[in-house]
């Protein structure tokens, strides 16, 4: 299960639709793994200990990949919001002018 999660995270999705499918698949795998983890009980054989160490190594890689993916998504959202703000200012440049403290010339 952990190996499948790691493989999904390694898949680089450029397409929006595939990215959504990837996130859905990732959530499904994480939910299934969460159900399986409480079933693991000791004592462990040597093979099970080796597998457990590999799972822990992969889990660290998964966590760092998920943090990186989250940061990429946050950066995209920030850039999108900045782009929307720029477009809005371009369309209506005087719509959000702060009138507090402005100086008006009066003709005498």
N, C-alpha and C. Protein backbone atom coordinates (compact mmCIF):
# COMPACT_ATOMS: atom_id res chain seq x y z
N UNK A 1 0.82 -1.18 0.00
CA UNK A 1 0.00 0.00 0.00
C UNK A 1 0.88 1.26 0.00
N UNK A 2 1.90 1.25 0.84
CA UNK A 2 2.81 2.39 0.91
C UNK A 2 3.54 2.58 -0.41
N UNK A 3 3.94 1.48 -1.02
CA UNK A 3 4.62 1.55 -2.32
C UNK A 3 3.69 2.15 -3.37
N UNK A 4 2.41 1.80 -3.36
CA UNK A 4 1.44 2.35 -4.31
C UNK A 4 1.27 3.85 -4.10
N UNK A 5 1.22 4.27 -2.85
CA UNK A 5 1.09 5.70 -2.54
C UNK A 5 2.31 6.45 -3.07
N UNK A 6 3.49 5.88 -2.86
CA UNK A 6 4.72 6.51 -3.32
C UNK A 6 4.74 6.62 -4.85
N UNK A 7 4.29 5.59 -5.53
CA UNK A 7 4.26 5.62 -6.99
C UNK A 7 3.29 6.67 -7.51
N UNK A 8 2.15 6.83 -6.85
CA UNK A 8 1.18 7.86 -7.25
C UNK A 8 1.80 9.24 -7.08
N UNK A 9 2.53 9.45 -5.99
CA UNK A 9 3.16 10.75 -5.75
C UNK A 9 4.27 11.05 -6.75
N UNK A 10 4.94 10.02 -7.22
CA UNK A 10 6.01 10.22 -8.20
C UNK A 10 5.48 10.56 -9.58
N UNK A 11 4.22 10.19 -9.84
CA UNK A 11 3.61 10.47 -11.13
C UNK A 11 3.44 11.98 -11.28
N UNK A 12 4.10 12.56 -12.27
CA UNK A 12 4.05 14.00 -12.49
C UNK A 12 2.89 14.31 -13.43
N UNK A 13 1.84 14.93 -12.89
CA UNK A 13 0.65 15.24 -13.68
C UNK A 13 0.63 16.71 -14.06
N UNK A 14 0.63 16.97 -15.34
CA UNK A 14 0.55 18.34 -15.82
C UNK A 14 -0.90 18.69 -16.11
N UNK A 15 -1.64 17.74 -16.60
CA UNK A 15 -3.04 17.94 -16.97
C UNK A 15 -3.91 18.09 -15.73
N UNK A 16 -4.80 19.09 -15.72
CA UNK A 16 -5.70 19.35 -14.57
C UNK A 16 -6.54 18.13 -14.24
N UNK A 17 -7.14 17.49 -15.24
CA UNK A 17 -8.03 16.36 -15.00
C UNK A 17 -7.26 15.20 -14.38
N UNK A 18 -6.08 14.93 -14.89
CA UNK A 18 -5.29 13.84 -14.34
C UNK A 18 -4.82 14.15 -12.93
N UNK A 19 -4.58 15.42 -12.64
CA UNK A 19 -4.17 15.80 -11.29
C UNK A 19 -5.30 15.52 -10.31
N UNK A 20 -6.54 15.83 -10.69
CA UNK A 20 -7.68 15.55 -9.82
C UNK A 20 -7.85 14.05 -9.61
N UNK A 21 -7.68 13.26 -10.68
CA UNK A 21 -7.76 11.80 -10.55
C UNK A 21 -6.66 11.28 -9.63
N UNK A 22 -5.47 11.86 -9.77
CA UNK A 22 -4.35 11.45 -8.94
C UNK A 22 -4.62 11.74 -7.47
N UNK A 23 -5.18 12.93 -7.17
CA UNK A 23 -5.49 13.26 -5.79
C UNK A 23 -6.58 12.35 -5.22
N UNK A 24 -7.57 12.01 -6.03
CA UNK A 24 -8.62 11.10 -5.59
C UNK A 24 -8.05 9.72 -5.30
N UNK A 25 -7.20 9.23 -6.20
CA UNK A 25 -6.58 7.92 -6.01
C UNK A 25 -5.69 7.92 -4.76
N UNK A 26 -4.95 9.00 -4.58
CA UNK A 26 -4.09 9.13 -3.42
C UNK A 26 -4.89 9.10 -2.12
N UNK A 27 -6.02 9.82 -2.10
CA UNK A 27 -6.87 9.83 -0.91
C UNK A 27 -7.43 8.44 -0.62
N UNK A 28 -7.82 7.73 -1.66
CA UNK A 28 -8.34 6.38 -1.49
C UNK A 28 -7.28 5.46 -0.90
N UNK A 29 -6.06 5.52 -1.43
CA UNK A 29 -4.98 4.68 -0.92
C UNK A 29 -4.63 5.03 0.52
N UNK A 30 -4.61 6.31 0.85
CA UNK A 30 -4.32 6.72 2.23
C UNK A 30 -5.40 6.24 3.19
N UNK A 31 -6.66 6.31 2.77
CA UNK A 31 -7.75 5.83 3.62
C UNK A 31 -7.63 4.32 3.85
N UNK A 32 -7.31 3.58 2.80
CA UNK A 32 -7.17 2.12 2.94
C UNK A 32 -5.99 1.78 3.84
N UNK A 33 -4.89 2.52 3.69
CA UNK A 33 -3.72 2.27 4.54
C UNK A 33 -4.04 2.57 5.99
N UNK A 34 -4.82 3.62 6.22
CA UNK A 34 -5.20 3.97 7.60
C UNK A 34 -6.02 2.86 8.24
N UNK A 35 -6.83 2.17 7.46
CA UNK A 35 -7.62 1.05 7.98
C UNK A 35 -6.74 -0.16 8.30
N UNK A 36 -5.68 -0.35 7.51
CA UNK A 36 -4.82 -1.52 7.66
C UNK A 36 -3.83 -1.37 8.81
N UNK A 37 -3.33 -0.18 9.05
CA UNK A 37 -2.27 0.03 10.05
C UNK A 37 -2.61 -0.49 11.44
N UNK A 38 -3.83 -0.31 11.95
CA UNK A 38 -4.11 -0.83 13.31
C UNK A 38 -4.07 -2.36 13.39
N UNK A 39 -4.13 -3.04 12.25
CA UNK A 39 -4.12 -4.50 12.24
C UNK A 39 -2.71 -5.08 12.41
N UNK A 40 -1.70 -4.25 12.30
CA UNK A 40 -0.32 -4.71 12.41
C UNK A 40 0.03 -4.86 13.89
N UNK A 41 0.44 -6.07 14.27
CA UNK A 41 0.76 -6.36 15.67
C UNK A 41 2.11 -7.09 15.73
N UNK A 42 2.84 -6.88 16.83
CA UNK A 42 4.08 -7.61 17.00
C UNK A 42 3.81 -8.90 17.76
N UNK A 43 4.65 -9.85 17.78
CA UNK A 43 6.07 -9.88 17.44
C UNK A 43 6.26 -10.00 15.91
N UNK A 44 7.35 -9.41 15.46
CA UNK A 44 7.65 -9.38 14.04
C UNK A 44 8.79 -10.33 13.72
N UNK A 45 8.67 -10.99 12.58
CA UNK A 45 9.78 -11.82 12.10
C UNK A 45 10.83 -10.91 11.48
N UNK A 46 11.97 -11.49 11.12
CA UNK A 46 13.05 -10.71 10.53
C UNK A 46 12.62 -10.09 9.20
N UNK A 47 11.88 -10.86 8.41
CA UNK A 47 11.36 -10.34 7.14
C UNK A 47 10.38 -9.19 7.36
N UNK A 48 9.53 -9.33 8.35
CA UNK A 48 8.56 -8.27 8.65
C UNK A 48 9.27 -7.01 9.15
N UNK A 49 10.34 -7.18 9.93
CA UNK A 49 11.11 -6.02 10.39
C UNK A 49 11.77 -5.31 9.22
N UNK A 50 12.31 -6.08 8.29
CA UNK A 50 12.93 -5.51 7.10
C UNK A 50 11.89 -4.74 6.29
N UNK A 51 10.71 -5.35 6.12
CA UNK A 51 9.63 -4.68 5.39
C UNK A 51 9.18 -3.43 6.13
N UNK A 52 9.13 -3.48 7.44
CA UNK A 52 8.75 -2.32 8.23
C UNK A 52 9.74 -1.17 8.08
N UNK A 53 11.02 -1.50 8.05
CA UNK A 53 12.03 -0.45 7.84
C UNK A 53 11.88 0.18 6.46
N UNK A 54 11.60 -0.63 5.45
CA UNK A 54 11.39 -0.11 4.11
C UNK A 54 10.14 0.79 4.06
N UNK A 55 9.10 0.37 4.77
CA UNK A 55 7.87 1.17 4.83
C UNK A 55 8.14 2.51 5.50
N UNK A 56 8.92 2.52 6.57
CA UNK A 56 9.26 3.77 7.25
C UNK A 56 10.08 4.69 6.34
N UNK A 57 11.01 4.12 5.57
CA UNK A 57 11.81 4.91 4.64
C UNK A 57 10.92 5.53 3.57
N UNK A 58 10.01 4.70 3.01
CA UNK A 58 9.09 5.21 2.00
C UNK A 58 8.14 6.25 2.58
N UNK A 59 7.73 6.04 3.82
CA UNK A 59 6.82 6.99 4.46
C UNK A 59 7.46 8.37 4.59
N UNK A 60 8.75 8.41 4.92
CA UNK A 60 9.45 9.70 4.99
C UNK A 60 9.49 10.36 3.62
N UNK A 61 9.73 9.58 2.57
CA UNK A 61 9.73 10.12 1.21
C UNK A 61 8.34 10.62 0.81
N UNK A 62 7.32 9.88 1.22
CA UNK A 62 5.93 10.26 0.92
C UNK A 62 5.60 11.59 1.60
N UNK A 63 5.99 11.72 2.85
CA UNK A 63 5.69 12.96 3.57
C UNK A 63 6.36 14.17 2.92
N UNK A 64 7.61 14.02 2.54
CA UNK A 64 8.30 15.15 1.90
C UNK A 64 7.68 15.46 0.53
N UNK A 65 7.28 14.43 -0.22
CA UNK A 65 6.64 14.66 -1.52
C UNK A 65 5.29 15.34 -1.36
N UNK A 66 4.55 14.97 -0.31
CA UNK A 66 3.24 15.58 -0.08
C UNK A 66 3.40 17.05 0.33
N UNK A 67 4.41 17.36 1.11
CA UNK A 67 4.66 18.75 1.49
C UNK A 67 5.02 19.56 0.25
N UNK A 68 5.84 18.98 -0.60
CA UNK A 68 6.23 19.67 -1.84
C UNK A 68 5.01 19.90 -2.73
N UNK A 69 4.14 18.89 -2.87
CA UNK A 69 2.93 19.04 -3.67
C UNK A 69 2.01 20.11 -3.09
N UNK A 70 1.87 20.14 -1.77
CA UNK A 70 1.03 21.15 -1.13
C UNK A 70 1.58 22.55 -1.39
N UNK A 71 2.89 22.69 -1.30
CA UNK A 71 3.51 24.00 -1.55
C UNK A 71 3.31 24.43 -3.00
N UNK A 72 3.41 23.50 -3.93
CA UNK A 72 3.18 23.83 -5.34
C UNK A 72 1.75 24.30 -5.56
N UNK A 73 0.80 23.61 -4.95
CA UNK A 73 -0.61 23.99 -5.10
C UNK A 73 -0.85 25.36 -4.47
N UNK A 74 -0.27 25.62 -3.30
CA UNK A 74 -0.43 26.93 -2.66
C UNK A 74 0.17 28.03 -3.52
N UNK A 75 1.31 27.77 -4.14
CA UNK A 75 1.92 28.76 -5.02
C UNK A 75 1.05 29.04 -6.23
N UNK A 76 0.45 28.01 -6.79
CA UNK A 76 -0.43 28.20 -7.94
C UNK A 76 -1.67 29.02 -7.56
N UNK A 77 -2.22 28.75 -6.39
CA UNK A 77 -3.38 29.50 -5.92
C UNK A 77 -3.00 30.97 -5.71
N UNK A 78 -1.85 31.21 -5.11
CA UNK A 78 -1.39 32.58 -4.88
C UNK A 78 -1.20 33.32 -6.20
N UNK A 79 -0.57 32.66 -7.17
CA UNK A 79 -0.37 33.29 -8.48
C UNK A 79 -1.70 33.55 -9.17
N UNK A 80 -2.65 32.64 -9.04
CA UNK A 80 -3.96 32.82 -9.65
C UNK A 80 -4.69 34.01 -9.02
N UNK A 81 -4.64 34.13 -7.70
CA UNK A 81 -5.29 35.25 -7.03
C UNK A 81 -4.63 36.57 -7.41
N UNK A 82 -3.31 36.58 -7.52
CA UNK A 82 -2.62 37.80 -7.94
C UNK A 82 -2.99 38.17 -9.37
N UNK A 83 -3.12 37.17 -10.21
CA UNK A 83 -3.50 37.41 -11.61
C UNK A 83 -4.91 37.98 -11.69
N UNK A 84 -5.83 37.44 -10.90
CA UNK A 84 -7.20 37.96 -10.88
C UNK A 84 -7.22 39.40 -10.40
N UNK A 85 -6.44 39.71 -9.39
CA UNK A 85 -6.37 41.07 -8.87
C UNK A 85 -5.82 42.03 -9.91
N UNK A 86 -4.79 41.60 -10.63
CA UNK A 86 -4.19 42.43 -11.66
C UNK A 86 -5.18 42.70 -12.78
N UNK A 87 -5.91 41.68 -13.20
CA UNK A 87 -6.90 41.85 -14.26
C UNK A 87 -8.00 42.80 -13.80
N UNK A 88 -8.44 42.66 -12.56
CA UNK A 88 -9.49 43.53 -12.03
C UNK A 88 -9.02 44.98 -12.00
N UNK A 89 -7.78 45.22 -11.60
CA UNK A 89 -7.24 46.57 -11.56
C UNK A 89 -7.08 47.14 -12.97
N UNK A 90 -6.78 46.29 -13.92
CA UNK A 90 -6.63 46.74 -15.29
C UNK A 90 -7.97 47.14 -15.89
N UNK A 91 -9.01 46.35 -15.61
CA UNK A 91 -10.35 46.62 -16.14
C UNK A 91 -10.95 47.86 -15.50
N UNK A 92 -10.79 48.03 -14.19
CA UNK A 92 -11.36 49.17 -13.46
C UNK A 92 -10.27 49.81 -12.60
N UNK A 93 -9.40 50.64 -13.20
CA UNK A 93 -8.24 51.14 -12.46
C UNK A 93 -8.59 52.08 -11.31
N UNK A 94 -9.73 52.75 -11.35
CA UNK A 94 -10.08 53.70 -10.29
C UNK A 94 -11.17 53.17 -9.37
N UNK A 95 -11.47 51.92 -9.47
CA UNK A 95 -12.53 51.33 -8.66
C UNK A 95 -12.16 51.19 -7.20
N UNK A 96 -10.90 50.98 -6.89
CA UNK A 96 -10.47 50.74 -5.52
C UNK A 96 -9.56 51.85 -5.00
N UNK A 97 -9.74 53.06 -5.46
CA UNK A 97 -8.89 54.16 -5.03
C UNK A 97 -9.24 54.55 -3.60
N UNK A 98 -8.23 54.69 -2.78
CA UNK A 98 -8.42 55.10 -1.40
C UNK A 98 -8.57 56.63 -1.36
N UNK A 99 -9.72 57.09 -0.96
CA UNK A 99 -10.00 58.52 -0.99
C UNK A 99 -9.65 59.21 0.33
N UNK A 100 -9.19 58.49 1.28
CA UNK A 100 -8.83 59.07 2.56
C UNK A 100 -7.50 59.80 2.42
N UNK A 101 -7.48 61.09 2.72
CA UNK A 101 -6.25 61.85 2.66
C UNK A 101 -5.92 62.38 1.29
N UNK A 102 -6.83 62.32 0.36
CA UNK A 102 -6.54 62.86 -0.97
C UNK A 102 -6.71 64.36 -0.96
N UNK A 103 -6.05 65.04 -1.84
CA UNK A 103 -6.06 66.49 -1.92
C UNK A 103 -6.84 66.92 -3.15
N UNK A 104 -7.79 67.80 -2.96
CA UNK A 104 -8.57 68.31 -4.08
C UNK A 104 -8.24 69.79 -4.29
N UNK A 105 -7.91 70.14 -5.51
CA UNK A 105 -7.66 71.55 -5.87
C UNK A 105 -8.98 72.25 -6.07
N UNK A 106 -9.08 73.42 -5.51
CA UNK A 106 -10.31 74.20 -5.70
C UNK A 106 -9.92 75.45 -6.48
N UNK A 107 -10.66 75.73 -7.50
CA UNK A 107 -10.41 76.91 -8.31
C UNK A 107 -11.10 78.10 -7.66
N UNK A 108 -10.39 79.25 -7.47
CA UNK A 108 -10.97 80.41 -6.83
C UNK A 108 -11.30 81.46 -7.83
